[in-house]
Amino acid sequence: MNAVNIAFTLWVVLTACFVLLMVYRGHLTQHETDQLFLNENASHNSEEEHNEILRRVNIVQPLCKGFGGAAVLATVLLVGVYLASAMGRF
């Protein structure tokens, strides 16, 4: 396996993880809206669902940023390895 294939495989894995996390986050926030619960007794179940969605989004958000940054770095690495390979250095 040469360096271009390894860099491409790394890029595919990181980008696929990033896309899947973004789709999952979009699915979580699809029905989530900003809400203000004024009455403590009314719609307690709705408030719990809202808090659960926010908790999940807060867990996924750092993963999205991390995999997004890693995918960008892998893209730069892939282009660099490809150009070096095209010049005959690998």
N, C-alpha and C. Protein backbone atom coordinates (compact mmCIF):
# COMPACT_ATOMS: atom_id res chain seq x y z
N MET A 1 0.84 -1.18 0.00
CA MET A 1 0.00 0.00 0.00
C MET A 1 0.89 1.24 0.00
N ASN A 2 0.63 2.15 -0.89
CA ASN A 2 1.47 3.34 -0.94
C ASN A 2 0.87 4.46 -0.08
N ALA A 3 1.59 5.57 0.02
CA ALA A 3 1.20 6.65 0.92
C ALA A 3 -0.11 7.31 0.50
N VAL A 4 -0.38 7.40 -0.79
CA VAL A 4 -1.62 8.03 -1.26
C VAL A 4 -2.82 7.20 -0.82
N ASN A 5 -2.72 5.88 -0.93
CA ASN A 5 -3.84 5.02 -0.50
C ASN A 5 -4.09 5.12 1.00
N ILE A 6 -3.03 5.18 1.78
CA ILE A 6 -3.18 5.30 3.23
C ILE A 6 -3.82 6.64 3.58
N ALA A 7 -3.35 7.72 2.97
CA ALA A 7 -3.91 9.05 3.23
C ALA A 7 -5.37 9.12 2.79
N PHE A 8 -5.69 8.51 1.66
CA PHE A 8 -7.07 8.51 1.17
C PHE A 8 -7.98 7.72 2.11
N THR A 9 -7.52 6.58 2.60
CA THR A 9 -8.31 5.77 3.53
C THR A 9 -8.55 6.53 4.83
N LEU A 10 -7.52 7.18 5.35
CA LEU A 10 -7.67 8.00 6.55
C LEU A 10 -8.68 9.12 6.32
N TRP A 11 -8.61 9.78 5.18
CA TRP A 11 -9.53 10.86 4.85
C TRP A 11 -10.97 10.35 4.77
N VAL A 12 -11.18 9.20 4.13
CA VAL A 12 -12.53 8.65 4.00
C VAL A 12 -13.12 8.33 5.36
N VAL A 13 -12.34 7.72 6.23
CA VAL A 13 -12.84 7.34 7.56
C VAL A 13 -13.20 8.58 8.37
N LEU A 14 -12.30 9.56 8.42
CA LEU A 14 -12.57 10.77 9.20
C LEU A 14 -13.74 11.56 8.64
N THR A 15 -13.82 11.68 7.32
CA THR A 15 -14.91 12.42 6.71
C THR A 15 -16.24 11.71 6.92
N ALA A 16 -16.26 10.39 6.82
CA ALA A 16 -17.49 9.64 7.05
C ALA A 16 -17.97 9.80 8.49
N CYS A 17 -17.06 9.74 9.45
CA CYS A 17 -17.43 9.96 10.85
C CYS A 17 -17.98 11.37 11.06
N PHE A 18 -17.34 12.35 10.45
CA PHE A 18 -17.81 13.73 10.56
C PHE A 18 -19.20 13.90 9.98
N VAL A 19 -19.43 13.35 8.80
CA VAL A 19 -20.74 13.47 8.15
C VAL A 19 -21.81 12.77 8.98
N LEU A 20 -21.52 11.58 9.50
CA LEU A 20 -22.49 10.87 10.32
C LEU A 20 -22.82 11.64 11.60
N LEU A 21 -21.82 12.24 12.22
CA LEU A 21 -22.09 13.05 13.41
C LEU A 21 -22.93 14.27 13.09
N MET A 22 -22.68 14.90 11.95
CA MET A 22 -23.48 16.06 11.55
C MET A 22 -24.92 15.67 11.27
N VAL A 23 -25.12 14.52 10.64
CA VAL A 23 -26.48 14.05 10.36
C VAL A 23 -27.20 13.74 11.67
N TYR A 24 -26.50 13.09 12.61
CA TYR A 24 -27.09 12.78 13.90
C TYR A 24 -27.46 14.05 14.66
N ARG A 25 -26.57 15.04 14.65
CA ARG A 25 -26.86 16.30 15.33
C ARG A 25 -28.04 17.01 14.67
N GLY A 26 -28.11 16.96 13.36
CA GLY A 26 -29.25 17.55 12.65
C GLY A 26 -30.55 16.85 12.98
N HIS A 27 -30.47 15.54 13.12
CA HIS A 27 -31.67 14.78 13.49
C HIS A 27 -32.12 15.14 14.90
N LEU A 28 -31.17 15.32 15.81
CA LEU A 28 -31.52 15.69 17.19
C LEU A 28 -32.18 17.06 17.25
N THR A 29 -31.66 18.00 16.51
CA THR A 29 -32.15 19.38 16.59
C THR A 29 -33.27 19.67 15.61
N GLN A 30 -33.75 18.67 14.91
CA GLN A 30 -34.80 18.88 13.92
C GLN A 30 -36.07 19.47 14.55
N HIS A 31 -36.47 18.94 15.68
CA HIS A 31 -37.70 19.40 16.31
C HIS A 31 -37.45 20.23 17.56
N GLU A 32 -36.20 20.49 17.85
CA GLU A 32 -35.85 21.26 19.03
C GLU A 32 -35.95 22.74 18.72
N THR A 33 -36.61 23.47 19.57
CA THR A 33 -36.73 24.92 19.42
C THR A 33 -36.36 25.57 20.75
N ASP A 34 -36.06 26.85 20.69
CA ASP A 34 -35.81 27.58 21.93
C ASP A 34 -37.14 27.75 22.64
N GLN A 35 -37.18 27.33 23.88
CA GLN A 35 -38.41 27.40 24.65
C GLN A 35 -38.13 28.01 26.01
N LEU A 36 -39.13 28.68 26.51
CA LEU A 36 -39.06 29.25 27.84
C LEU A 36 -40.22 28.68 28.64
N PHE A 37 -39.92 27.95 29.69
CA PHE A 37 -40.95 27.31 30.50
C PHE A 37 -41.22 28.21 31.71
N LEU A 38 -42.37 28.88 31.69
CA LEU A 38 -42.70 29.83 32.75
C LEU A 38 -43.40 29.17 33.93
N ASN A 39 -44.24 28.22 33.67
CA ASN A 39 -45.00 27.55 34.72
C ASN A 39 -44.30 26.25 35.08
N GLU A 40 -44.05 26.03 36.34
CA GLU A 40 -43.33 24.84 36.77
C GLU A 40 -44.15 23.57 36.62
N ASN A 41 -45.47 23.68 36.69
CA ASN A 41 -46.33 22.50 36.66
C ASN A 41 -46.74 22.10 35.25
N ALA A 42 -46.90 23.04 34.37
CA ALA A 42 -47.40 22.76 33.03
C ALA A 42 -46.30 22.22 32.14
N SER A 43 -46.62 21.20 31.39
CA SER A 43 -45.75 20.65 30.35
C SER A 43 -44.38 20.22 30.90
N HIS A 44 -44.39 19.53 32.01
CA HIS A 44 -43.13 19.07 32.61
C HIS A 44 -42.44 18.05 31.71
N ASN A 45 -43.22 17.22 31.05
CA ASN A 45 -42.65 16.22 30.14
C ASN A 45 -41.95 16.89 28.96
N SER A 46 -42.52 17.97 28.46
CA SER A 46 -41.92 18.69 27.34
C SER A 46 -40.58 19.30 27.74
N GLU A 47 -40.53 19.80 28.95
CA GLU A 47 -39.28 20.38 29.43
C GLU A 47 -38.20 19.31 29.59
N GLU A 48 -38.57 18.14 30.07
CA GLU A 48 -37.61 17.04 30.20
C GLU A 48 -37.08 16.59 28.84
N GLU A 49 -37.97 16.50 27.85
CA GLU A 49 -37.54 16.13 26.49
C GLU A 49 -36.59 17.17 25.93
N HIS A 50 -36.91 18.44 26.16
CA HIS A 50 -36.06 19.53 25.68
C HIS A 50 -34.67 19.46 26.33
N ASN A 51 -34.63 19.22 27.63
CA ASN A 51 -33.35 19.12 28.34
C ASN A 51 -32.54 17.91 27.87
N GLU A 52 -33.21 16.81 27.57
CA GLU A 52 -32.53 15.61 27.07
C GLU A 52 -31.91 15.88 25.69
N ILE A 53 -32.64 16.57 24.84
CA ILE A 53 -32.11 16.92 23.51
C ILE A 53 -30.88 17.82 23.66
N LEU A 54 -30.98 18.81 24.51
CA LEU A 54 -29.84 19.71 24.72
C LEU A 54 -28.63 18.97 25.28
N ARG A 55 -28.86 18.01 26.18
CA ARG A 55 -27.76 17.23 26.74
C ARG A 55 -27.06 16.43 25.65
N ARG A 56 -27.84 15.81 24.78
CA ARG A 56 -27.25 15.02 23.69
C ARG A 56 -26.50 15.90 22.70
N VAL A 57 -27.06 17.05 22.37
CA VAL A 57 -26.39 17.97 21.44
C VAL A 57 -25.09 18.46 22.05
N ASN A 58 -25.08 18.74 23.34
CA ASN A 58 -23.86 19.20 24.01
C ASN A 58 -22.79 18.12 24.06
N ILE A 59 -23.19 16.86 24.03
CA ILE A 59 -22.21 15.77 23.99
C ILE A 59 -21.64 15.62 22.58
N VAL A 60 -22.50 15.77 21.57
CA VAL A 60 -22.09 15.54 20.18
C VAL A 60 -21.29 16.72 19.62
N GLN A 61 -21.55 17.93 20.10
CA GLN A 61 -20.93 19.13 19.54
C GLN A 61 -19.39 19.09 19.56
N PRO A 62 -18.72 18.75 20.66
CA PRO A 62 -17.25 18.68 20.62
C PRO A 62 -16.74 17.60 19.67
N LEU A 63 -17.47 16.49 19.57
CA LEU A 63 -17.07 15.45 18.63
C LEU A 63 -17.14 15.95 17.19
N CYS A 64 -18.18 16.72 16.88
CA CYS A 64 -18.30 17.30 15.54
C CYS A 64 -17.12 18.22 15.22
N LYS A 65 -16.78 19.06 16.18
CA LYS A 65 -15.65 19.96 15.97
C LYS A 65 -14.34 19.20 15.80
N GLY A 66 -14.14 18.17 16.63
CA GLY A 66 -12.91 17.39 16.55
C GLY A 66 -12.79 16.63 15.25
N PHE A 67 -13.83 15.92 14.85
CA PHE A 67 -13.78 15.18 13.60
C PHE A 67 -13.75 16.11 12.39
N GLY A 68 -14.39 17.27 12.49
CA GLY A 68 -14.33 18.25 11.40
C GLY A 68 -12.91 18.77 11.21
N GLY A 69 -12.24 19.10 12.30
CA GLY A 69 -10.85 19.55 12.22
C GLY A 69 -9.92 18.46 11.72
N ALA A 70 -10.15 17.24 12.19
CA ALA A 70 -9.33 16.12 11.73
C ALA A 70 -9.55 15.85 10.24
N ALA A 71 -10.79 16.01 9.77
CA ALA A 71 -11.07 15.81 8.35
C ALA A 71 -10.39 16.88 7.50
N VAL A 72 -10.34 18.11 8.01
CA VAL A 72 -9.64 19.18 7.28
C VAL A 72 -8.15 18.88 7.22
N LEU A 73 -7.57 18.46 8.34
CA LEU A 73 -6.15 18.12 8.35
C LEU A 73 -5.86 16.93 7.45
N ALA A 74 -6.75 15.95 7.43
CA ALA A 74 -6.57 14.80 6.55
C ALA A 74 -6.66 15.21 5.08
N THR A 75 -7.51 16.18 4.78
CA THR A 75 -7.62 16.68 3.40
C THR A 75 -6.32 17.34 2.98
N VAL A 76 -5.76 18.17 3.86
CA VAL A 76 -4.48 18.82 3.56
C VAL A 76 -3.38 17.77 3.41
N LEU A 77 -3.38 16.77 4.28
CA LEU A 77 -2.41 15.69 4.19
C LEU A 77 -2.56 14.93 2.87
N LEU A 78 -3.78 14.63 2.49
CA LEU A 78 -4.02 13.90 1.25
C LEU A 78 -3.53 14.68 0.03
N VAL A 79 -3.82 15.96 0.00
CA VAL A 79 -3.36 16.79 -1.12
C VAL A 79 -1.84 16.86 -1.14
N GLY A 80 -1.23 17.02 0.04
CA GLY A 80 0.22 17.08 0.11
C GLY A 80 0.89 15.79 -0.32
N VAL A 81 0.35 14.67 0.13
CA VAL A 81 0.92 13.37 -0.26
C VAL A 81 0.72 13.13 -1.75
N TYR A 82 -0.45 13.52 -2.27
CA TYR A 82 -0.71 13.34 -3.70
C TYR A 82 0.25 14.18 -4.54
N LEU A 83 0.44 15.43 -4.14
CA LEU A 83 1.37 16.29 -4.89
C LEU A 83 2.80 15.80 -4.80
N ALA A 84 3.21 15.35 -3.62
CA ALA A 84 4.56 14.80 -3.47
C ALA A 84 4.71 13.52 -4.30
N SER A 85 3.67 12.73 -4.35
CA SER A 85 3.71 11.51 -5.15
C SER A 85 3.76 11.83 -6.65
N ALA A 86 3.03 12.86 -7.04
CA ALA A 86 3.02 13.26 -8.45
C ALA A 86 4.39 13.81 -8.87
N MET A 87 5.10 14.42 -7.95
CA MET A 87 6.44 14.94 -8.25
C MET A 87 7.50 13.85 -8.19
N GLY A 88 7.11 12.65 -7.73
CA GLY A 88 8.04 11.54 -7.70
C GLY A 88 8.85 11.42 -6.44
N ARG A 89 8.39 12.02 -5.36
CA ARG A 89 9.14 11.97 -4.10
C ARG A 89 8.75 10.79 -3.23
N PHE A 90 7.61 10.16 -3.48
CA PHE A 90 7.21 8.98 -2.69
C PHE A 90 7.25 7.77 -3.57
